Amino acid sequence: MEIKKSPTADLEGKKTTGLLVGYVLVLAVMFIAFEWTKVEKEETGEIIEAPMVTFEEEIIPITLQEKPVAPAPVEAKPIAEVIEIVEDDAQIEETIIASTDDTGPQIEIKDIDNVVVEEPKEEEVFMVVEKMPEFPGGMGELMKWLSKNIKYPAIAQENGVQGRVVVQFVVNKDGSIVDPQVIKSVDPYLDKEALRVVKAMPKWSPGEQRGKPVRVKYTLPVMFRLQ
């Protein structure tokens, strides 16, 4: 069943009207009170002054920078110049300066371009000569000396490395050993030991060509063998 509302019982419609009437009444009361106060003020003759607002300004003093005072100029004292007057009859000794070109020894300068500088000739190294260089005591003593002085590298022993290292060197005129180098390698450690032993060898008997000692290149095999 639909519920119907009576227009006389509709409070929402009257609410807006009542609110507007209330606003009108409040404004009327405020207007009357304002006019009433104004009339009383005019009758009493009181004058209401608005309070004065003052602002204090902060005065910043102005400082002037003092100019530097320049020092007083120092007066230069005049220096008396003394001029010595020599009479015409005075005798003046003359000094003669001689250069080294007149008194010293004459040096002759030669043209450098025409001077020939002789370069030292490198002595020839023989491969084969009439008398080959020899270790003191012969080849047998050389083998004994090598076997006595060679120290087998421990790393090569552990790895089981063995073989023949060929070393080439030059026997000088005085029998000394120079410029040793490995021409056939087996192992870096064995090569190093072979070079060490060759450098430590005593002087050899030098090689000879036509009865004169000469430089000879010699090749020596160094054998490394595990027992």
C-alpha atoms as a PDB file:
ATOM      1  CA  MET A   1       0.000   0.000   0.000  1.00  0.00           C
ATOM      2  CA  GLU A   2       1.490   3.363  -1.002  1.00  0.00           C
ATOM      3  CA  ILE A   3       1.903   5.950   1.740  1.00  0.00           C
ATOM      4  CA  LYS A   4       0.857   9.481   0.724  1.00  0.00           C
ATOM      5  CA  LYS A   5       1.960  12.648   2.440  1.00  0.00           C
ATOM      6  CA  SER A   6      -0.346  15.568   3.091  1.00  0.00           C
ATOM      7  CA  PRO A   7       0.783  18.948   1.709  1.00  0.00           C
ATOM      8  CA  THR A   8       0.023  20.506   5.073  1.00  0.00           C
ATOM      9  CA  ALA A   9       2.373  18.079   6.828  1.00  0.00           C
ATOM     10  CA  ASP A  10       5.303  18.773   4.462  1.00  0.00           C
ATOM     11  CA  LEU A  11       7.889  20.308   6.839  1.00  0.00           C
ATOM     12  CA  GLU A  12      10.733  20.406   4.244  1.00  0.00           C
ATOM     13  CA  GLY A  13       8.951  23.046   2.179  1.00  0.00           C
ATOM     14  CA  LYS A  14       8.369  25.288   5.188  1.00  0.00           C
ATOM     15  CA  LYS A  15      11.913  24.980   6.409  1.00  0.00           C
ATOM     16  CA  THR A  16      13.373  27.143   3.628  1.00  0.00           C
ATOM     17  CA  THR A  17      10.718  29.823   4.066  1.00  0.00           C
ATOM     18  CA  GLY A  18      11.361  30.022   7.798  1.00  0.00           C
ATOM     19  CA  LEU A  19      15.099  30.345   7.252  1.00  0.00           C
ATOM     20  CA  LEU A  20      14.671  33.306   4.882  1.00  0.00           C
ATOM     21  CA  VAL A  21      12.308  35.064   7.294  1.00  0.00           C
ATOM     22  CA  GLY A  22      14.882  34.642  10.076  1.00  0.00           C
ATOM     23  CA  TYR A  23      17.634  36.270   7.975  1.00  0.00           C
ATOM     24  CA  VAL A  24      15.386  39.264   7.224  1.00  0.00           C
ATOM     25  CA  LEU A  25      14.637  39.779  10.904  1.00  0.00           C
ATOM     26  CA  VAL A  26      18.296  39.612  11.923  1.00  0.00           C
ATOM     27  CA  LEU A  27      19.301  42.169   9.293  1.00  0.00           C
ATOM     28  CA  ALA A  28      16.492  44.508  10.366  1.00  0.00           C
ATOM     29  CA  VAL A  29      17.547  44.374  14.024  1.00  0.00           C
ATOM     30  CA  MET A  30      21.185  45.070  13.119  1.00  0.00           C
ATOM     31  CA  PHE A  31      20.184  48.042  10.934  1.00  0.00           C
ATOM     32  CA  ILE A  32      18.022  49.543  13.723  1.00  0.00           C
ATOM     33  CA  ALA A  33      20.793  49.124  16.302  1.00  0.00           C
ATOM     34  CA  PHE A  34      23.325  50.806  14.009  1.00  0.00           C
ATOM     35  CA  GLU A  35      21.044  53.790  13.340  1.00  0.00           C
ATOM     36  CA  TRP A  36      20.262  54.108  17.039  1.00  0.00           C
ATOM     37  CA  THR A  37      23.933  54.247  17.979  1.00  0.00           C
ATOM     38  CA  LYS A  38      24.618  56.849  15.307  1.00  0.00           C
ATOM     39  CA  VAL A  39      21.843  59.124  16.616  1.00  0.00           C
ATOM     40  CA  GLU A  40      23.191  58.946  20.183  1.00  0.00           C
ATOM     41  CA  LYS A  41      26.669  59.826  18.988  1.00  0.00           C
ATOM     42  CA  GLU A  42      25.406  62.901  17.170  1.00  0.00           C
ATOM     43  CA  GLU A  43      23.428  64.091  20.221  1.00  0.00           C
ATOM     44  CA  THR A  44      26.295  63.812  22.691  1.00  0.00           C
ATOM     45  CA  GLY A  45      28.717  65.418  20.241  1.00  0.00           C
ATOM     46  CA  GLU A  46      31.523  62.969  20.996  1.00  0.00           C
ATOM     47  CA  ILE A  47      34.217  62.709  18.410  1.00  0.00           C
ATOM     48  CA  ILE A  48      35.937  59.393  18.161  1.00  0.00           C
ATOM     49  CA  GLU A  49      39.356  59.593  16.705  1.00  0.00           C
ATOM     50  CA  ALA A  50      40.942  56.675  15.090  1.00  0.00           C
ATOM     51  CA  PRO A  51      44.157  55.604  16.756  1.00  0.00           C
ATOM     52  CA  MET A  52      47.322  56.806  15.006  1.00  0.00           C
ATOM     53  CA  VAL A  53      49.833  54.178  14.038  1.00  0.00           C
ATOM     54  CA  THR A  54      53.415  55.397  14.048  1.00  0.00           C
ATOM     55  CA  PHE A  55      56.358  53.682  12.394  1.00  0.00           C
ATOM     56  CA  GLU A  56      59.856  54.170  13.666  1.00  0.00           C
ATOM     57  CA  GLU A  57      62.497  54.214  10.988  1.00  0.00           C
ATOM     58  CA  GLU A  58      65.901  52.856  11.849  1.00  0.00           C
ATOM     59  CA  ILE A  59      68.541  55.395  10.930  1.00  0.00           C
ATOM     60  CA  ILE A  60      71.745  53.777   9.693  1.00  0.00           C
ATOM     61  CA  PRO A  61      74.774  55.992  10.232  1.00  0.00           C
ATOM     62  CA  ILE A  62      76.809  56.701   7.105  1.00  0.00           C
ATOM     63  CA  THR A  63      80.502  55.944   7.496  1.00  0.00           C
ATOM     64  CA  LEU A  64      83.050  57.639   5.329  1.00  0.00           C
ATOM     65  CA  GLN A  65      86.217  55.785   4.373  1.00  0.00           C
ATOM     66  CA  GLU A  66      89.294  57.694   5.364  1.00  0.00           C
ATOM     67  CA  LYS A  67      91.618  58.472   2.502  1.00  0.00           C
ATOM     68  CA  PRO A  68      95.186  57.208   3.003  1.00  0.00           C
ATOM     69  CA  VAL A  69      97.584  59.986   3.745  1.00  0.00           C
ATOM     70  CA  ALA A  70     100.448  60.045   1.236  1.00  0.00           C
ATOM     71  CA  PRO A  71     103.896  60.268   2.823  1.00  0.00           C
ATOM     72  CA  ALA A  72     105.633  63.566   2.539  1.00  0.00           C
ATOM     73  CA  PRO A  73     108.006  63.681  -0.438  1.00  0.00           C
ATOM     74  CA  VAL A  74     111.652  63.394   0.444  1.00  0.00           C
ATOM     75  CA  GLU A  75     113.736  66.114  -1.012  1.00  0.00           C
ATOM     76  CA  ALA A  76     116.756  64.825  -2.915  1.00  0.00           C
ATOM     77  CA  LYS A  77     119.941  66.427  -1.792  1.00  0.00           C
ATOM     78  CA  PRO A  78     122.038  67.721  -4.655  1.00  0.00           C
ATOM     79  CA  ILE A  79     125.368  65.949  -5.090  1.00  0.00           C
ATOM     80  CA  ALA A  80     128.259  68.195  -5.749  1.00  0.00           C
ATOM     81  CA  GLU A  81     130.088  67.105  -8.879  1.00  0.00           C
ATOM     82  CA  VAL A  82     133.828  67.578  -8.701  1.00  0.00           C
ATOM     83  CA  ILE A  83     135.523  68.135 -12.013  1.00  0.00           C
ATOM     84  CA  GLU A  84     139.280  67.894 -12.023  1.00  0.00           C
ATOM     85  CA  ILE A  85     140.876  70.194 -14.550  1.00  0.00           C
ATOM     86  CA  VAL A  86     144.140  68.928 -16.015  1.00  0.00           C
ATOM     87  CA  GLU A  87     146.602  71.390 -17.418  1.00  0.00           C
ATOM     88  CA  ASP A  88     147.694  71.093 -20.997  1.00  0.00           C
ATOM     89  CA  ASP A  89     151.337  70.647 -19.999  1.00  0.00           C
ATOM     90  CA  ALA A  90     150.615  67.510 -17.879  1.00  0.00           C
ATOM     91  CA  GLN A  91     152.120  64.304 -19.228  1.00  0.00           C
ATOM     92  CA  ILE A  92     149.698  61.390 -19.662  1.00  0.00           C
ATOM     93  CA  GLU A  93     151.055  57.847 -19.910  1.00  0.00           C
ATOM     94  CA  GLU A  94     149.639  55.829 -22.758  1.00  0.00           C
ATOM     95  CA  THR A  95     148.799  52.194 -22.154  1.00  0.00           C
ATOM     96  CA  ILE A  96     148.985  49.846 -25.085  1.00  0.00           C
ATOM     97  CA  ILE A  97     146.802  46.728 -24.873  1.00  0.00           C
ATOM     98  CA  ALA A  98     148.086  43.867 -26.965  1.00  0.00           C
ATOM     99  CA  SER A  99     145.885  40.948 -27.957  1.00  0.00           C
ATOM    100  CA  THR A 100     146.884  37.313 -27.731  1.00  0.00           C
ATOM    101  CA  ASP A 101     146.937  37.192 -31.517  1.00  0.00           C
ATOM    102  CA  ASP A 102     150.074  39.377 -31.436  1.00  0.00           C
ATOM    103  CA  THR A 103     151.839  37.964 -28.382  1.00  0.00           C
ATOM    104  CA  GLY A 104     150.677  34.350 -28.054  1.00  0.00           C
ATOM    105  CA  PRO A 105     151.693  31.335 -30.106  1.00  0.00           C
ATOM    106  CA  GLN A 106     150.119  30.934 -33.480  1.00  0.00           C
ATOM    107  CA  ILE A 107     147.552  28.128 -33.658  1.00  0.00           C
ATOM    108  CA  GLU A 108     146.927  26.505 -36.975  1.00  0.00           C
ATOM    109  CA  ILE A 109     143.336  25.460 -37.576  1.00  0.00           C
ATOM    110  CA  LYS A 110     142.822  22.556 -39.907  1.00  0.00           C
ATOM    111  CA  ASP A 111     139.733  21.699 -41.840  1.00  0.00           C
ATOM    112  CA  ILE A 112     137.834  19.039 -39.872  1.00  0.00           C
ATOM    113  CA  ASP A 113     136.081  17.701 -42.956  1.00  0.00           C
ATOM    114  CA  ASN A 114     139.379  16.507 -44.383  1.00  0.00           C
ATOM    115  CA  VAL A 115     140.376  14.610 -41.220  1.00  0.00           C
ATOM    116  CA  VAL A 116     139.842  10.878 -41.610  1.00  0.00           C
ATOM    117  CA  VAL A 117     139.054   9.004 -38.407  1.00  0.00           C
ATOM    118  CA  GLU A 118     140.206   5.419 -38.521  1.00  0.00           C
ATOM    119  CA  GLU A 119     137.678   3.024 -37.021  1.00  0.00           C
ATOM    120  CA  PRO A 120     139.063   0.046 -35.110  1.00  0.00           C
ATOM    121  CA  LYS A 121     138.881  -3.096 -37.138  1.00  0.00           C
ATOM    122  CA  GLU A 122     137.045  -5.978 -35.555  1.00  0.00           C
ATOM    123  CA  GLU A 123     139.266  -8.983 -35.261  1.00  0.00           C
ATOM    124  CA  GLU A 124     138.281 -11.887 -37.437  1.00  0.00           C
ATOM    125  CA  VAL A 125     136.865 -15.008 -35.808  1.00  0.00           C
ATOM    126  CA  PHE A 126     137.963 -18.246 -37.457  1.00  0.00           C
ATOM    127  CA  MET A 127     135.958 -21.428 -37.611  1.00  0.00           C
ATOM    128  CA  VAL A 128     138.846 -23.729 -38.586  1.00  0.00           C
ATOM    129  CA  VAL A 129     142.551 -22.964 -38.072  1.00  0.00           C
ATOM    130  CA  GLU A 130     145.844 -24.818 -38.380  1.00  0.00           C
ATOM    131  CA  LYS A 131     145.929 -25.405 -34.621  1.00  0.00           C
ATOM    132  CA  MET A 132     142.549 -25.558 -32.874  1.00  0.00           C
ATOM    133  CA  PRO A 133     142.155 -24.267 -29.307  1.00  0.00           C
ATOM    134  CA  GLU A 134     142.397 -26.928 -26.611  1.00  0.00           C
ATOM    135  CA  PHE A 135     141.292 -27.359 -22.994  1.00  0.00           C
ATOM    136  CA  PRO A 136     144.246 -27.719 -20.569  1.00  0.00           C
ATOM    137  CA  GLY A 137     145.162 -31.411 -20.624  1.00  0.00           C
ATOM    138  CA  GLY A 138     143.150 -32.294 -23.698  1.00  0.00           C
ATOM    139  CA  MET A 139     139.635 -33.536 -24.382  1.00  0.00           C
ATOM    140  CA  GLY A 140     139.779 -36.211 -21.660  1.00  0.00           C
ATOM    141  CA  GLU A 141     140.430 -33.609 -18.973  1.00  0.00           C
ATOM    142  CA  LEU A 142     137.572 -31.506 -20.390  1.00  0.00           C
ATOM    143  CA  MET A 143     135.086 -34.356 -19.972  1.00  0.00           C
ATOM    144  CA  LYS A 144     136.268 -34.960 -16.401  1.00  0.00           C
ATOM    145  CA  TRP A 145     135.997 -31.271 -15.566  1.00  0.00           C
ATOM    146  CA  LEU A 146     132.455 -31.070 -16.967  1.00  0.00           C
ATOM    147  CA  SER A 147     131.214 -34.154 -15.106  1.00  0.00           C
ATOM    148  CA  LYS A 148     132.733 -32.811 -11.876  1.00  0.00           C
ATOM    149  CA  ASN A 149     131.329 -29.283 -12.102  1.00  0.00           C
ATOM    150  CA  ILE A 150     127.901 -29.846 -13.680  1.00  0.00           C
ATOM    151  CA  LYS A 151     125.018 -29.733 -11.175  1.00  0.00           C
ATOM    152  CA  TYR A 152     121.969 -31.478 -12.525  1.00  0.00           C
ATOM    153  CA  PRO A 153     118.902 -29.212 -11.969  1.00  0.00           C
ATOM    154  CA  ALA A 154     116.506 -30.744  -9.437  1.00  0.00           C
ATOM    155  CA  ILE A 155     113.420 -29.783 -11.464  1.00  0.00           C
ATOM    156  CA  ALA A 156     114.832 -31.521 -14.544  1.00  0.00           C
ATOM    157  CA  GLN A 157     115.555 -34.643 -12.456  1.00  0.00           C
ATOM    158  CA  GLU A 158     112.007 -34.714 -11.062  1.00  0.00           C
ATOM    159  CA  ASN A 159     110.571 -34.356 -14.560  1.00  0.00           C
ATOM    160  CA  GLY A 160     112.984 -36.935 -15.972  1.00  0.00           C
ATOM    161  CA  VAL A 161     114.455 -34.503 -18.532  1.00  0.00           C
ATOM    162  CA  GLN A 162     117.801 -35.426 -20.114  1.00  0.00           C
ATOM    163  CA  GLY A 163     119.661 -34.810 -23.379  1.00  0.00           C
ATOM    164  CA  ARG A 164     122.551 -33.037 -25.054  1.00  0.00           C
ATOM    165  CA  VAL A 165     122.823 -29.236 -25.005  1.00  0.00           C
ATOM    166  CA  VAL A 166     125.109 -27.777 -27.679  1.00  0.00           C
ATOM    167  CA  VAL A 167     126.925 -24.579 -26.667  1.00  0.00           C
ATOM    168  CA  GLN A 168     129.000 -22.402 -28.989  1.00  0.00           C
ATOM    169  CA  PHE A 169     131.599 -19.898 -27.749  1.00  0.00           C
ATOM    170  CA  VAL A 170     134.709 -17.974 -28.845  1.00  0.00           C
ATOM    171  CA  VAL A 171     138.223 -18.696 -27.560  1.00  0.00           C
ATOM    172  CA  ASN A 172     140.164 -15.417 -27.506  1.00  0.00           C
ATOM    173  CA  LYS A 173     143.848 -14.963 -28.261  1.00  0.00           C
ATOM    174  CA  ASP A 174     144.607 -15.159 -24.535  1.00  0.00           C
ATOM    175  CA  GLY A 175     142.529 -18.371 -24.139  1.00  0.00           C
ATOM    176  CA  SER A 176     139.551 -16.744 -22.354  1.00  0.00           C
ATOM    177  CA  ILE A 177     135.990 -17.879 -23.151  1.00  0.00           C
ATOM    178  CA  VAL A 178     133.556 -15.206 -24.427  1.00  0.00           C
ATOM    179  CA  ASP A 179     130.110 -14.986 -26.074  1.00  0.00           C
ATOM    180  CA  PRO A 180     128.711 -18.408 -25.071  1.00  0.00           C
ATOM    181  CA  GLN A 181     125.280 -19.210 -26.499  1.00  0.00           C
ATOM    182  CA  VAL A 182     123.042 -22.269 -26.823  1.00  0.00           C
ATOM    183  CA  ILE A 183     122.553 -23.373 -30.426  1.00  0.00           C
ATOM    184  CA  LYS A 184     120.675 -26.585 -29.560  1.00  0.00           C
ATOM    185  CA  SER A 185     118.310 -26.508 -26.602  1.00  0.00           C
ATOM    186  CA  VAL A 186     116.828 -29.362 -24.559  1.00  0.00           C
ATOM    187  CA  ASP A 187     115.263 -27.713 -21.494  1.00  0.00           C
ATOM    188  CA  PRO A 188     115.511 -24.154 -20.094  1.00  0.00           C
ATOM    189  CA  TYR A 189     117.005 -25.417 -16.835  1.00  0.00           C
ATOM    190  CA  LEU A 190     119.533 -27.654 -18.612  1.00  0.00           C
ATOM    191  CA  ASP A 191     120.444 -24.818 -21.026  1.00  0.00           C
ATOM    192  CA  LYS A 192     121.080 -22.446 -18.123  1.00  0.00           C
ATOM    193  CA  GLU A 193     123.328 -24.950 -16.349  1.00  0.00           C
ATOM    194  CA  ALA A 194     125.331 -25.653 -19.542  1.00  0.00           C
ATOM    195  CA  LEU A 195     126.002 -21.927 -20.031  1.00  0.00           C
ATOM    196  CA  ARG A 196     127.035 -21.553 -16.389  1.00  0.00           C
ATOM    197  CA  VAL A 197     129.580 -24.376 -16.665  1.00  0.00           C
ATOM    198  CA  VAL A 198     131.061 -23.057 -19.926  1.00  0.00           C
ATOM    199  CA  LYS A 199     131.535 -19.575 -18.450  1.00  0.00           C
ATOM    200  CA  ALA A 200     133.298 -21.093 -15.420  1.00  0.00           C
ATOM    201  CA  MET A 201     135.874 -23.010 -17.495  1.00  0.00           C
ATOM    202  CA  PRO A 202     139.572 -22.080 -17.101  1.00  0.00           C
ATOM    203  CA  LYS A 203     141.520 -20.520 -19.966  1.00  0.00           C
ATOM    204  CA  TRP A 204     142.206 -22.715 -22.972  1.00  0.00           C
ATOM    205  CA  SER A 205     145.258 -22.899 -25.179  1.00  0.00           C
ATOM    206  CA  PRO A 206     144.391 -20.427 -27.983  1.00  0.00           C
ATOM    207  CA  GLY A 207     144.126 -21.443 -31.614  1.00  0.00           C
ATOM    208  CA  GLU A 208     146.897 -20.512 -34.043  1.00  0.00           C
ATOM    209  CA  GLN A 209     146.978 -19.589 -37.700  1.00  0.00           C
ATOM    210  CA  ARG A 210     150.380 -19.244 -39.424  1.00  0.00           C
ATOM    211  CA  GLY A 211     152.079 -19.381 -36.040  1.00  0.00           C
ATOM    212  CA  LYS A 212     150.031 -16.495 -34.498  1.00  0.00           C
ATOM    213  CA  PRO A 213     147.220 -16.771 -31.946  1.00  0.00           C
ATOM    214  CA  VAL A 214     143.765 -15.951 -33.367  1.00  0.00           C
ATOM    215  CA  ARG A 215     140.192 -15.945 -32.198  1.00  0.00           C
ATOM    216  CA  VAL A 216     138.398 -19.216 -32.883  1.00  0.00           C
ATOM    217  CA  LYS A 217     134.734 -20.173 -32.563  1.00  0.00           C
ATOM    218  CA  TYR A 218     134.319 -23.528 -30.817  1.00  0.00           C
ATOM    219  CA  THR A 219     131.269 -25.813 -30.474  1.00  0.00           C
ATOM    220  CA  LEU A 220     130.963 -27.999 -27.385  1.00  0.00           C
ATOM    221  CA  PRO A 221     128.218 -30.576 -26.658  1.00  0.00           C
ATOM    222  CA  VAL A 222     127.263 -30.886 -22.950  1.00  0.00           C
ATOM    223  CA  MET A 223     125.560 -34.183 -22.119  1.00  0.00           C
ATOM    224  CA  PHE A 224     122.949 -34.492 -19.346  1.00  0.00           C
ATOM    225  CA  ARG A 225     122.061 -38.113 -18.535  1.00  0.00           C
ATOM    226  CA  LEU A 226     120.109 -39.582 -15.619  1.00  0.00           C
ATOM    227  CA  GLN A 227     121.603 -42.738 -14.077  1.00  0.00           C
END
